[in-house]
Amino acid sequence: MKVAWLFPGQGSQAVGMGKELAATVPAARAVFDAADAALGESLSRLCFEGPIAELTLTANTQPAILTTSAAILAAMRERWPSMPTPDCAAGHSLGEYSALCAARVIPFADAVRVCRVRGRAMQDAVPAGQGAMAAVMGLEDDAIESTCRDACDAGAVVCPANFNAPGQTVIAGEARAVERALVLCKERGGKVIPLNVSAPFHSPLMTSARAPLAEALSRATLSAPAFDVLANVDAAPKPDAALVFEALVEQVASPVQWTRTISRMRERGVTHALEIGHGKVLAGLVKRIDKELCVLSVSDPASIERIGEHLGF
């Protein structure tokens, strides 16, 4: 059996995430305490109590999701000390930082601080109201790419941002271009859902976020991974710190190749996966990509108890 670890990204947040684990598992509580110390504020209280409006601010959401996933993983390791090292791991967008923490590439405190900078830089890259994102269902990737090109008129930019699963792609860009792309997608047989997000993530409009992110990463200690982490930008592992750095800086303004990532895992022989974080979004995407990959979503004491049965130990 080959196992992968999957880590969710922005959009998985909810008030109360991690609260039960922090109250019952010392290892999880220690992770939240470490995040509070790294930021000099009570991120844990925001995760546990909200308010949701503050939690969903990108600069808060990103370190909060990272911390919750790290706390869940710490609780898993405490409960199952002989749990095997995964064959590989991956995280969706922000979740790539959780995966890199799990693989000992970046110390947790450094990652929390980097994610705070990343969130602020992505939020500041485009003035409020000028960017947009939307999900498109029912169209193949090449059709969506062609439609985005057709919608890029008068210099307005729109492009695929997340290749989430076959027939499910997120596009991002300038609001007027996204609006035109959605009209064209519907005309070509797709179903569209505008997303309530604060900026056009993973599009060229995020290019200005690369410099502050690179500066924050340069202050972090990066090491070679303890196991392969497949990067969002190309679904390939990065075997040393320099390549990890380059991939993370590129990732912020490049599409998330999630479909390719899961397919690459299957090519490696992965049969089982653990989704480590709040919610079950990634398990749902995996089912659309490859129904034979068995995923257990792990977020609380009850689901941690099911890991042994899921992985057969």
C-alpha atoms as a PDB file:
ATOM      1  CA  MET A   1       0.000   0.000   0.000  1.00  0.00           C
ATOM      2  CA  LYS A   2       1.227   3.476  -0.924  1.00  0.00           C
ATOM      3  CA  VAL A   3      -0.258   6.439   0.932  1.00  0.00           C
ATOM      4  CA  ALA A   4      -0.413  10.166   0.178  1.00  0.00           C
ATOM      5  CA  TRP A   5      -1.189  13.067   2.478  1.00  0.00           C
ATOM      6  CA  LEU A   6      -3.388  15.859   1.110  1.00  0.00           C
ATOM      7  CA  PHE A   7      -3.789  19.310   2.653  1.00  0.00           C
ATOM      8  CA  PRO A   8      -6.654  21.742   1.877  1.00  0.00           C
ATOM      9  CA  GLY A   9      -6.301  25.416   1.066  1.00  0.00           C
ATOM     10  CA  GLN A  10      -8.256  28.620   1.362  1.00  0.00           C
ATOM     11  CA  GLY A  11     -12.011  28.103   1.442  1.00  0.00           C
ATOM     12  CA  SER A  12     -11.878  25.241   3.948  1.00  0.00           C
ATOM     13  CA  GLN A  13     -11.935  27.562   6.961  1.00  0.00           C
ATOM     14  CA  ALA A  14     -14.754  27.598   9.524  1.00  0.00           C
ATOM     15  CA  VAL A  15     -15.142  28.990  13.029  1.00  0.00           C
ATOM     16  CA  GLY A  16     -14.373  26.241  15.526  1.00  0.00           C
ATOM     17  CA  MET A  17     -11.830  24.412  13.404  1.00  0.00           C
ATOM     18  CA  GLY A  18      -9.297  22.612  15.551  1.00  0.00           C
ATOM     19  CA  LYS A  19     -11.031  23.546  18.788  1.00  0.00           C
ATOM     20  CA  GLU A  20     -11.944  20.004  19.893  1.00  0.00           C
ATOM     21  CA  LEU A  21      -8.462  18.683  19.167  1.00  0.00           C
ATOM     22  CA  ALA A  22      -6.769  21.568  20.970  1.00  0.00           C
ATOM     23  CA  ALA A  23      -8.941  20.915  24.018  1.00  0.00           C
ATOM     24  CA  THR A  24      -8.211  17.185  24.139  1.00  0.00           C
ATOM     25  CA  VAL A  25      -4.803  16.556  22.541  1.00  0.00           C
ATOM     26  CA  PRO A  26      -1.732  18.297  24.020  1.00  0.00           C
ATOM     27  CA  ALA A  27       0.217  18.005  20.759  1.00  0.00           C
ATOM     28  CA  ALA A  28      -2.499  19.874  18.883  1.00  0.00           C
ATOM     29  CA  ARG A  29      -2.746  22.562  21.558  1.00  0.00           C
ATOM     30  CA  ALA A  30       1.026  23.062  21.320  1.00  0.00           C
ATOM     31  CA  VAL A  31       0.740  23.793  17.589  1.00  0.00           C
ATOM     32  CA  PHE A  32      -1.860  26.499  18.150  1.00  0.00           C
ATOM     33  CA  ASP A  33       0.263  27.968  20.957  1.00  0.00           C
ATOM     34  CA  ALA A  34       3.268  28.019  18.603  1.00  0.00           C
ATOM     35  CA  ALA A  35       1.252  29.881  15.964  1.00  0.00           C
ATOM     36  CA  ASP A  36       0.147  32.470  18.530  1.00  0.00           C
ATOM     37  CA  ALA A  37       3.760  32.984  19.554  1.00  0.00           C
ATOM     38  CA  ALA A  38       4.983  33.240  15.948  1.00  0.00           C
ATOM     39  CA  LEU A  39       2.477  35.973  15.094  1.00  0.00           C
ATOM     40  CA  GLY A  40       2.352  37.707  18.467  1.00  0.00           C
ATOM     41  CA  GLU A  41      -1.440  37.453  18.572  1.00  0.00           C
ATOM     42  CA  SER A  42      -4.136  34.903  19.348  1.00  0.00           C
ATOM     43  CA  LEU A  43      -4.691  33.170  16.029  1.00  0.00           C
ATOM     44  CA  SER A  44      -6.033  30.220  18.020  1.00  0.00           C
ATOM     45  CA  ARG A  45      -8.882  32.286  19.459  1.00  0.00           C
ATOM     46  CA  LEU A  46      -9.789  33.434  15.955  1.00  0.00           C
ATOM     47  CA  CYS A  47      -9.904  29.818  14.769  1.00  0.00           C
ATOM     48  CA  PHE A  48     -11.959  28.643  17.735  1.00  0.00           C
ATOM     49  CA  GLU A  49     -14.316  31.595  18.254  1.00  0.00           C
ATOM     50  CA  GLY A  50     -14.245  33.789  15.138  1.00  0.00           C
ATOM     51  CA  PRO A  51     -15.810  36.065  14.109  1.00  0.00           C
ATOM     52  CA  ILE A  52     -16.086  34.528  10.659  1.00  0.00           C
ATOM     53  CA  ALA A  53     -15.656  37.905   8.933  1.00  0.00           C
ATOM     54  CA  GLU A  54     -12.233  38.289  10.526  1.00  0.00           C
ATOM     55  CA  LEU A  55     -11.267  34.665   9.982  1.00  0.00           C
ATOM     56  CA  THR A  56     -12.017  34.919   6.258  1.00  0.00           C
ATOM     57  CA  LEU A  57      -9.680  37.867   5.742  1.00  0.00           C
ATOM     58  CA  THR A  58      -6.983  36.372   3.536  1.00  0.00           C
ATOM     59  CA  ALA A  59      -4.150  37.483   5.809  1.00  0.00           C
ATOM     60  CA  ASN A  60      -5.807  35.542   8.668  1.00  0.00           C
ATOM     61  CA  THR A  61      -7.244  32.630   6.714  1.00  0.00           C
ATOM     62  CA  GLN A  62      -3.933  31.450   5.337  1.00  0.00           C
ATOM     63  CA  PRO A  63      -2.018  31.049   8.626  1.00  0.00           C
ATOM     64  CA  ALA A  64      -5.191  29.749  10.301  1.00  0.00           C
ATOM     65  CA  ILE A  65      -5.672  26.907   7.807  1.00  0.00           C
ATOM     66  CA  LEU A  66      -1.978  26.044   7.937  1.00  0.00           C
ATOM     67  CA  THR A  67      -2.103  25.918  11.739  1.00  0.00           C
ATOM     68  CA  THR A  68      -5.231  23.769  11.828  1.00  0.00           C
ATOM     69  CA  SER A  69      -3.744  21.222   9.429  1.00  0.00           C
ATOM     70  CA  ALA A  70      -0.483  21.134  11.387  1.00  0.00           C
ATOM     71  CA  ALA A  71      -2.390  20.604  14.634  1.00  0.00           C
ATOM     72  CA  ILE A  72      -4.377  17.736  13.129  1.00  0.00           C
ATOM     73  CA  LEU A  73      -1.174  16.129  11.881  1.00  0.00           C
ATOM     74  CA  ALA A  74       0.432  16.506  15.319  1.00  0.00           C
ATOM     75  CA  ALA A  75      -2.573  14.773  16.882  1.00  0.00           C
ATOM     76  CA  MET A  76      -2.354  11.993  14.280  1.00  0.00           C
ATOM     77  CA  ARG A  77       1.295  11.402  15.036  1.00  0.00           C
ATOM     78  CA  GLU A  78       0.613  11.336  18.783  1.00  0.00           C
ATOM     79  CA  ARG A  79      -2.196   8.781  18.389  1.00  0.00           C
ATOM     80  CA  TRP A  80      -0.400   6.646  15.787  1.00  0.00           C
ATOM     81  CA  PRO A  81       3.363   6.949  16.550  1.00  0.00           C
ATOM     82  CA  SER A  82       4.156   4.090  14.168  1.00  0.00           C
ATOM     83  CA  MET A  83       2.175   5.627  11.298  1.00  0.00           C
ATOM     84  CA  PRO A  84       4.229   5.109   8.123  1.00  0.00           C
ATOM     85  CA  THR A  85       5.802   8.003   6.266  1.00  0.00           C
ATOM     86  CA  PRO A  86       3.704   8.750   3.166  1.00  0.00           C
ATOM     87  CA  ASP A  87       4.967   8.029  -0.308  1.00  0.00           C
ATOM     88  CA  CYS A  88       4.247  11.664  -1.158  1.00  0.00           C
ATOM     89  CA  ALA A  89       2.116  14.648  -0.233  1.00  0.00           C
ATOM     90  CA  ALA A  90       0.480  17.661  -1.847  1.00  0.00           C
ATOM     91  CA  GLY A  91      -1.539  20.654  -0.800  1.00  0.00           C
ATOM     92  CA  HIS A  92      -4.088  22.654  -2.734  1.00  0.00           C
ATOM     93  CA  SER A  93      -2.754  26.213  -3.152  1.00  0.00           C
ATOM     94  CA  LEU A  94      -2.089  27.403   0.419  1.00  0.00           C
ATOM     95  CA  GLY A  95      -2.159  23.729   1.444  1.00  0.00           C
ATOM     96  CA  GLU A  96       1.224  23.273  -0.227  1.00  0.00           C
ATOM     97  CA  TYR A  97       2.738  25.046   2.796  1.00  0.00           C
ATOM     98  CA  SER A  98       1.077  22.527   5.128  1.00  0.00           C
ATOM     99  CA  ALA A  99       2.502  19.694   3.032  1.00  0.00           C
ATOM    100  CA  LEU A 100       5.979  21.244   3.146  1.00  0.00           C
ATOM    101  CA  CYS A 101       5.748  21.601   6.939  1.00  0.00           C
ATOM    102  CA  ALA A 102       4.760  17.948   7.179  1.00  0.00           C
ATOM    103  CA  ALA A 103       7.796  16.996   5.063  1.00  0.00           C
ATOM    104  CA  ARG A 104      10.118  19.031   7.351  1.00  0.00           C
ATOM    105  CA  VAL A 105      10.969  21.473   4.553  1.00  0.00           C
ATOM    106  CA  ILE A 106      10.041  24.608   6.492  1.00  0.00           C
ATOM    107  CA  PRO A 107       9.775  25.016  10.279  1.00  0.00           C
ATOM    108  CA  PHE A 108       6.219  25.602  11.417  1.00  0.00           C
ATOM    109  CA  ALA A 109       6.819  29.043  12.947  1.00  0.00           C
ATOM    110  CA  ASP A 110       8.503  30.224   9.739  1.00  0.00           C
ATOM    111  CA  ALA A 111       5.609  28.874   7.681  1.00  0.00           C
ATOM    112  CA  VAL A 112       3.038  30.712   9.797  1.00  0.00           C
ATOM    113  CA  ARG A 113       4.855  34.002   9.300  1.00  0.00           C
ATOM    114  CA  VAL A 114       5.307  33.394   5.564  1.00  0.00           C
ATOM    115  CA  CYS A 115       1.607  32.611   5.149  1.00  0.00           C
ATOM    116  CA  ARG A 116       0.683  35.854   6.905  1.00  0.00           C
ATOM    117  CA  VAL A 117       2.852  37.782   4.421  1.00  0.00           C
ATOM    118  CA  ARG A 118       1.541  35.720   1.502  1.00  0.00           C
ATOM    119  CA  GLY A 119      -2.066  36.428   2.457  1.00  0.00           C
ATOM    120  CA  ARG A 120      -1.488  40.157   2.758  1.00  0.00           C
ATOM    121  CA  ALA A 121       0.474  40.332  -0.484  1.00  0.00           C
ATOM    122  CA  MET A 122      -2.201  38.450  -2.432  1.00  0.00           C
ATOM    123  CA  GLN A 123      -4.938  40.639  -0.978  1.00  0.00           C
ATOM    124  CA  ASP A 124      -3.031  43.830  -1.809  1.00  0.00           C
ATOM    125  CA  ALA A 125      -2.105  42.796  -5.363  1.00  0.00           C
ATOM    126  CA  VAL A 126      -5.423  43.903  -6.869  1.00  0.00           C
ATOM    127  CA  PRO A 127      -7.726  46.682  -5.575  1.00  0.00           C
ATOM    128  CA  ALA A 128     -11.039  45.456  -4.158  1.00  0.00           C
ATOM    129  CA  GLY A 129     -13.671  44.992  -6.845  1.00  0.00           C
ATOM    130  CA  GLN A 130     -11.280  44.891  -9.783  1.00  0.00           C
ATOM    131  CA  GLY A 131     -10.699  41.148  -9.760  1.00  0.00           C
ATOM    132  CA  ALA A 132     -12.996  38.132  -9.771  1.00  0.00           C
ATOM    133  CA  MET A 133     -13.026  34.323  -9.759  1.00  0.00           C
ATOM    134  CA  ALA A 134     -15.624  31.800 -10.888  1.00  0.00           C
ATOM    135  CA  ALA A 135     -16.034  28.049 -11.102  1.00  0.00           C
ATOM    136  CA  VAL A 136     -16.827  26.514 -14.476  1.00  0.00           C
ATOM    137  CA  MET A 137     -18.326  23.040 -14.741  1.00  0.00           C
ATOM    138  CA  GLY A 138     -19.013  20.871 -17.737  1.00  0.00           C
ATOM    139  CA  LEU A 139     -16.271  22.082 -20.079  1.00  0.00           C
ATOM    140  CA  GLU A 140     -12.945  20.442 -20.857  1.00  0.00           C
ATOM    141  CA  ASP A 141      -9.730  22.225 -19.942  1.00  0.00           C
ATOM    142  CA  ASP A 142      -8.833  23.128 -23.524  1.00  0.00           C
ATOM    143  CA  ALA A 143     -12.300  24.613 -24.069  1.00  0.00           C
ATOM    144  CA  ILE A 144     -11.952  26.775 -20.964  1.00  0.00           C
ATOM    145  CA  GLU A 145      -8.478  27.916 -21.988  1.00  0.00           C
ATOM    146  CA  SER A 146      -9.789  28.858 -25.436  1.00  0.00           C
ATOM    147  CA  THR A 147     -12.751  30.683 -23.927  1.00  0.00           C
ATOM    148  CA  CYS A 148     -10.487  32.664 -21.609  1.00  0.00           C
ATOM    149  CA  ARG A 149      -8.348  33.719 -24.562  1.00  0.00           C
ATOM    150  CA  ASP A 150     -11.473  34.861 -26.396  1.00  0.00           C
ATOM    151  CA  ALA A 151     -12.563  36.886 -23.360  1.00  0.00           C
ATOM    152  CA  CYS A 152      -9.236  38.730 -23.012  1.00  0.00           C
ATOM    153  CA  ASP A 153     -10.167  41.862 -24.941  1.00  0.00           C
ATOM    154  CA  ALA A 154      -8.808  45.404 -24.579  1.00  0.00           C
ATOM    155  CA  GLY A 155      -6.026  44.185 -22.318  1.00  0.00           C
ATOM    156  CA  ALA A 156      -8.317  42.624 -19.695  1.00  0.00           C
ATOM    157  CA  VAL A 157      -6.936  39.347 -18.339  1.00  0.00           C
ATOM    158  CA  VAL A 158      -8.752  36.124 -17.446  1.00  0.00           C
ATOM    159  CA  CYS A 159      -7.253  32.634 -17.290  1.00  0.00           C
ATOM    160  CA  PRO A 160      -7.633  29.247 -15.586  1.00  0.00           C
ATOM    161  CA  ALA A 161      -6.565  29.433 -11.936  1.00  0.00           C
ATOM    162  CA  ASN A 162      -7.368  25.980 -10.510  1.00  0.00           C
ATOM    163  CA  PHE A 163      -7.586  22.785 -12.548  1.00  0.00           C
ATOM    164  CA  ASN A 164      -9.488  21.079  -9.738  1.00  0.00           C
ATOM    165  CA  ALA A 165     -10.952  18.010 -11.468  1.00  0.00           C
ATOM    166  CA  PRO A 166     -12.203  16.958 -14.884  1.00  0.00           C
ATOM    167  CA  GLY A 167     -15.086  19.254 -15.729  1.00  0.00           C
ATOM    168  CA  GLN A 168     -14.415  21.547 -12.754  1.00  0.00           C
ATOM    169  CA  THR A 169     -12.069  24.482 -13.284  1.00  0.00           C
ATOM    170  CA  VAL A 170     -11.793  27.866 -11.590  1.00  0.00           C
ATOM    171  CA  ILE A 171     -10.985  30.947 -13.663  1.00  0.00           C
ATOM    172  CA  ALA A 172      -9.632  34.268 -12.391  1.00  0.00           C
ATOM    173  CA  GLY A 173      -8.755  37.703 -13.668  1.00  0.00           C
ATOM    174  CA  GLU A 174     -10.051  41.218 -14.094  1.00  0.00           C
ATOM    175  CA  ALA A 175     -13.738  41.426 -13.268  1.00  0.00           C
ATOM    176  CA  ARG A 176     -14.904  42.545 -16.733  1.00  0.00           C
ATOM    177  CA  ALA A 177     -12.924  39.787 -18.447  1.00  0.00           C
ATOM    178  CA  VAL A 178     -14.222  37.148 -16.040  1.00  0.00           C
ATOM    179  CA  GLU A 179     -17.776  38.329 -16.663  1.00  0.00           C
ATOM    180  CA  ARG A 180     -17.282  38.039 -20.423  1.00  0.00           C
ATOM    181  CA  ALA A 181     -15.692  34.589 -20.039  1.00  0.00           C
ATOM    182  CA  LEU A 182     -18.685  33.376 -18.029  1.00  0.00           C
ATOM    183  CA  VAL A 183     -21.073  34.487 -20.763  1.00  0.00           C
ATOM    184  CA  LEU A 184     -19.002  32.608 -23.342  1.00  0.00           C
ATOM    185  CA  CYS A 185     -18.746  29.515 -21.123  1.00  0.00           C
ATOM    186  CA  LYS A 186     -22.538  29.374 -20.786  1.00  0.00           C
ATOM    187  CA  GLU A 187     -22.948  29.812 -24.531  1.00  0.00           C
ATOM    188  CA  ARG A 188     -20.587  26.862 -25.039  1.00  0.00           C
ATOM    189  CA  GLY A 189     -22.501  24.556 -22.695  1.00  0.00           C
ATOM    190  CA  GLY A 190     -20.829  25.140 -19.345  1.00  0.00           C
ATOM    191  CA  LYS A 191     -22.321  25.877 -15.954  1.00  0.00           C
ATOM    192  CA  VAL A 192     -20.801  28.819 -14.081  1.00  0.00           C
ATOM    193  CA  ILE A 193     -20.731  29.893 -10.428  1.00  0.00           C
ATOM    194  CA  PRO A 194     -19.185  33.259  -9.470  1.00  0.00           C
ATOM    195  CA  LEU A 195     -17.100  32.888  -6.305  1.00  0.00           C
ATOM    196  CA  ASN A 196     -17.229  35.201  -3.316  1.00  0.00           C
ATOM    197  CA  VAL A 197     -13.491  35.834  -3.017  1.00  0.00           C
ATOM    198  CA  SER A 198     -11.494  38.955  -2.362  1.00  0.00           C
ATOM    199  CA  ALA A 199      -8.950  38.735  -5.194  1.00  0.00           C
ATOM    200  CA  PRO A 200      -8.165  36.841  -8.446  1.00  0.00           C
ATOM    201  CA  PHE A 201      -5.814  34.274  -6.932  1.00  0.00           C
ATOM    202  CA  HIS A 202      -3.422  32.206  -9.085  1.00  0.00           C
ATOM    203  CA  SER A 203      -3.683  34.564 -12.040  1.00  0.00           C
ATOM    204  CA  PRO A 204      -1.077  36.892 -13.588  1.00  0.00           C
ATOM    205  CA  LEU A 205      -2.694  39.708 -11.594  1.00  0.00           C
ATOM    206  CA  MET A 206      -0.975  38.227  -8.528  1.00  0.00           C
ATOM    207  CA  THR A 207       2.493  38.844  -9.983  1.00  0.00           C
ATOM    208  CA  SER A 208       3.177  41.748  -7.624  1.00  0.00           C
ATOM    209  CA  ALA A 209       2.717  39.378  -4.661  1.00  0.00           C
ATOM    210  CA  ARG A 210       5.793  37.406  -5.674  1.00  0.00           C
ATOM    211  CA  ALA A 211       8.365  39.914  -4.394  1.00  0.00           C
ATOM    212  CA  PRO A 212       7.100  40.191  -0.785  1.00  0.00           C
ATOM    213  CA  LEU A 213       6.562  36.432  -0.713  1.00  0.00           C
ATOM    214  CA  ALA A 214      10.111  35.806  -1.934  1.00  0.00           C
ATOM    215  CA  GLU A 215      11.462  38.161   0.721  1.00  0.00           C
ATOM    216  CA  ALA A 216       9.511  36.345   3.458  1.00  0.00           C
ATOM    217  CA  LEU A 217      10.677  32.960   2.187  1.00  0.00           C
ATOM    218  CA  SER A 218      14.275  34.166   2.109  1.00  0.00           C
ATOM    219  CA  ARG A 219      14.036  34.740   5.876  1.00  0.00           C
ATOM    220  CA  ALA A 220      12.764  31.194   6.449  1.00  0.00           C
ATOM    221  CA  THR A 221      14.919  28.100   6.848  1.00  0.00           C
ATOM    222  CA  LEU A 222      14.218  25.723   3.962  1.00  0.00           C
ATOM    223  CA  SER A 223      15.522  22.156   3.824  1.00  0.00           C
ATOM    224  CA  ALA A 224      15.289  19.192   1.478  1.00  0.00           C
ATOM    225  CA  PRO A 225      11.995  17.303   1.961  1.00  0.00           C
ATOM    226  CA  ALA A 226      11.772  14.176   4.098  1.00  0.00           C
ATOM    227  CA  PHE A 227       9.390  12.817   1.445  1.00  0.00           C
ATOM    228  CA  ASP A 228       8.205  14.055  -1.934  1.00  0.00           C
ATOM    229  CA  VAL A 229       5.812  16.996  -2.050  1.00  0.00           C
ATOM    230  CA  LEU A 230       4.256  17.449  -5.491  1.00  0.00           C
ATOM    231  CA  ALA A 231       4.232  21.145  -6.357  1.00  0.00           C
ATOM    232  CA  ASN A 232       1.104  22.918  -7.544  1.00  0.00           C
ATOM    233  CA  VAL A 233       2.857  24.493 -10.510  1.00  0.00           C
ATOM    234  CA  ASP A 234       3.745  21.264 -12.319  1.00  0.00           C
ATOM    235  CA  ALA A 235       2.688  18.287 -10.142  1.00  0.00           C
ATOM    236  CA  ALA A 236       6.360  17.351  -9.700  1.00  0.00           C
ATOM    237  CA  PRO A 237       8.473  16.933  -6.550  1.00  0.00           C
ATOM    238  CA  LYS A 238      11.154  19.486  -5.722  1.00  0.00           C
ATOM    239  CA  PRO A 239      14.131  17.635  -4.216  1.00  0.00           C
ATOM    240  CA  ASP A 240      15.992  20.587  -2.717  1.00  0.00           C
ATOM    241  CA  ALA A 241      15.328  23.881  -0.940  1.00  0.00           C
ATOM    242  CA  ALA A 242      16.186  26.086  -3.931  1.00  0.00           C
ATOM    243  CA  LEU A 243      13.645  24.356  -6.153  1.00  0.00           C
ATOM    244  CA  VAL A 244      11.000  24.539  -3.414  1.00  0.00           C
ATOM    245  CA  PHE A 245      11.626  28.285  -3.112  1.00  0.00           C
ATOM    246  CA  GLU A 246      11.236  28.817  -6.867  1.00  0.00           C
ATOM    247  CA  ALA A 247       8.044  26.757  -7.045  1.00  0.00           C
ATOM    248  CA  LEU A 248       6.406  28.612  -4.146  1.00  0.00           C
ATOM    249  CA  VAL A 249       7.163  32.021  -5.630  1.00  0.00           C
ATOM    250  CA  GLU A 250       5.869  30.920  -9.030  1.00  0.00           C
ATOM    251  CA  GLN A 251       2.787  29.275  -7.520  1.00  0.00           C
ATOM    252  CA  VAL A 252       1.160  32.477  -6.275  1.00  0.00           C
ATOM    253  CA  ALA A 253       0.480  33.720  -9.832  1.00  0.00           C
ATOM    254  CA  SER A 254       0.200  30.351 -11.605  1.00  0.00           C
ATOM    255  CA  PRO A 255      -2.663  27.857 -11.896  1.00  0.00           C
ATOM    256  CA  VAL A 256      -3.018  25.022  -9.392  1.00  0.00           C
ATOM    257  CA  GLN A 257      -2.534  21.734 -11.254  1.00  0.00           C
ATOM    258  CA  TRP A 258      -4.604  19.584  -8.892  1.00  0.00           C
ATOM    259  CA  THR A 259      -5.916  17.111 -11.477  1.00  0.00           C
ATOM    260  CA  ARG A 260      -2.376  16.430 -12.695  1.00  0.00           C
ATOM    261  CA  THR A 261      -1.177  16.100  -9.090  1.00  0.00           C
ATOM    262  CA  ILE A 262      -3.663  13.360  -8.206  1.00  0.00           C
ATOM    263  CA  SER A 263      -3.016  11.592 -11.512  1.00  0.00           C
ATOM    264  CA  ARG A 264       0.734  11.703 -10.812  1.00  0.00           C
ATOM    265  CA  MET A 265       0.141  10.148  -7.397  1.00  0.00           C
ATOM    266  CA  ARG A 266      -1.766   7.301  -8.998  1.00  0.00           C
ATOM    267  CA  GLU A 267       1.071   6.796 -11.477  1.00  0.00           C
ATOM    268  CA  ARG A 268       3.368   6.397  -8.468  1.00  0.00           C
ATOM    269  CA  GLY A 269       1.131   3.603  -7.185  1.00  0.00           C
ATOM    270  CA  VAL A 270      -0.685   5.546  -4.443  1.00  0.00           C
ATOM    271  CA  THR A 271      -3.875   3.722  -3.423  1.00  0.00           C
ATOM    272  CA  HIS A 272      -4.891   5.502  -0.208  1.00  0.00           C
ATOM    273  CA  ALA A 273      -4.810   9.100   0.995  1.00  0.00           C
ATOM    274  CA  LEU A 274      -5.475  11.118   4.115  1.00  0.00           C
ATOM    275  CA  GLU A 275      -6.992  14.596   3.751  1.00  0.00           C
ATOM    276  CA  ILE A 276      -5.464  16.411   6.720  1.00  0.00           C
ATOM    277  CA  GLY A 277      -7.404  19.575   7.484  1.00  0.00           C
ATOM    278  CA  HIS A 278     -10.831  20.987   8.102  1.00  0.00           C
ATOM    279  CA  GLY A 279     -13.581  19.825   5.741  1.00  0.00           C
ATOM    280  CA  LYS A 280     -13.798  17.294   2.913  1.00  0.00           C
ATOM    281  CA  VAL A 281     -13.285  19.404  -0.214  1.00  0.00           C
ATOM    282  CA  LEU A 282     -10.260  17.503  -1.455  1.00  0.00           C
ATOM    283  CA  ALA A 283     -11.894  14.101  -0.968  1.00  0.00           C
ATOM    284  CA  GLY A 284     -14.698  15.292  -3.223  1.00  0.00           C
ATOM    285  CA  LEU A 285     -12.269  16.461  -5.901  1.00  0.00           C
ATOM    286  CA  VAL A 286     -10.332  13.196  -5.759  1.00  0.00           C
ATOM    287  CA  LYS A 287     -13.506  11.217  -6.419  1.00  0.00           C
ATOM    288  CA  ARG A 288     -14.009  13.218  -9.608  1.00  0.00           C
ATOM    289  CA  ILE A 289     -10.422  12.588 -10.705  1.00  0.00           C
ATOM    290  CA  ASP A 290      -9.962   8.914  -9.759  1.00  0.00           C
ATOM    291  CA  LYS A 291     -12.629   6.926  -7.937  1.00  0.00           C
ATOM    292  CA  GLU A 292     -10.145   4.148  -7.121  1.00  0.00           C
ATOM    293  CA  LEU A 293      -8.098   6.351  -4.776  1.00  0.00           C
ATOM    294  CA  CYS A 294      -9.489   5.847  -1.266  1.00  0.00           C
ATOM    295  CA  VAL A 295      -9.476   9.067   0.786  1.00  0.00           C
ATOM    296  CA  LEU A 296     -10.185   9.510   4.492  1.00  0.00           C
ATOM    297  CA  SER A 297     -10.803  13.086   5.627  1.00  0.00           C
ATOM    298  CA  VAL A 298      -9.180  13.655   9.033  1.00  0.00           C
ATOM    299  CA  SER A 299     -10.109  16.635  11.177  1.00  0.00           C
ATOM    300  CA  ASP A 300     -11.170  15.494  14.659  1.00  0.00           C
ATOM    301  CA  PRO A 301     -10.563  12.753  17.253  1.00  0.00           C
ATOM    302  CA  ALA A 302     -13.149  10.419  15.715  1.00  0.00           C
ATOM    303  CA  SER A 303     -11.621  10.537  12.237  1.00  0.00           C
ATOM    304  CA  ILE A 304      -8.112  10.172  13.677  1.00  0.00           C
ATOM    305  CA  GLU A 305      -9.267   6.916  15.280  1.00  0.00           C
ATOM    306  CA  ARG A 306     -10.293   5.629  11.831  1.00  0.00           C
ATOM    307  CA  ILE A 307      -6.821   6.031  10.361  1.00  0.00           C
ATOM    308  CA  GLY A 308      -5.633   2.624  11.542  1.00  0.00           C
ATOM    309  CA  GLU A 309      -8.512   0.822   9.864  1.00  0.00           C
ATOM    310  CA  HIS A 310      -8.228   2.944   6.702  1.00  0.00           C
ATOM    311  CA  LEU A 311      -4.529   2.188   6.294  1.00  0.00           C
ATOM    312  CA  GLY A 312      -4.586  -1.321   7.717  1.00  0.00           C
ATOM    313  CA  PHE A 313      -2.352  -0.993  10.777  1.00  0.00           C
END
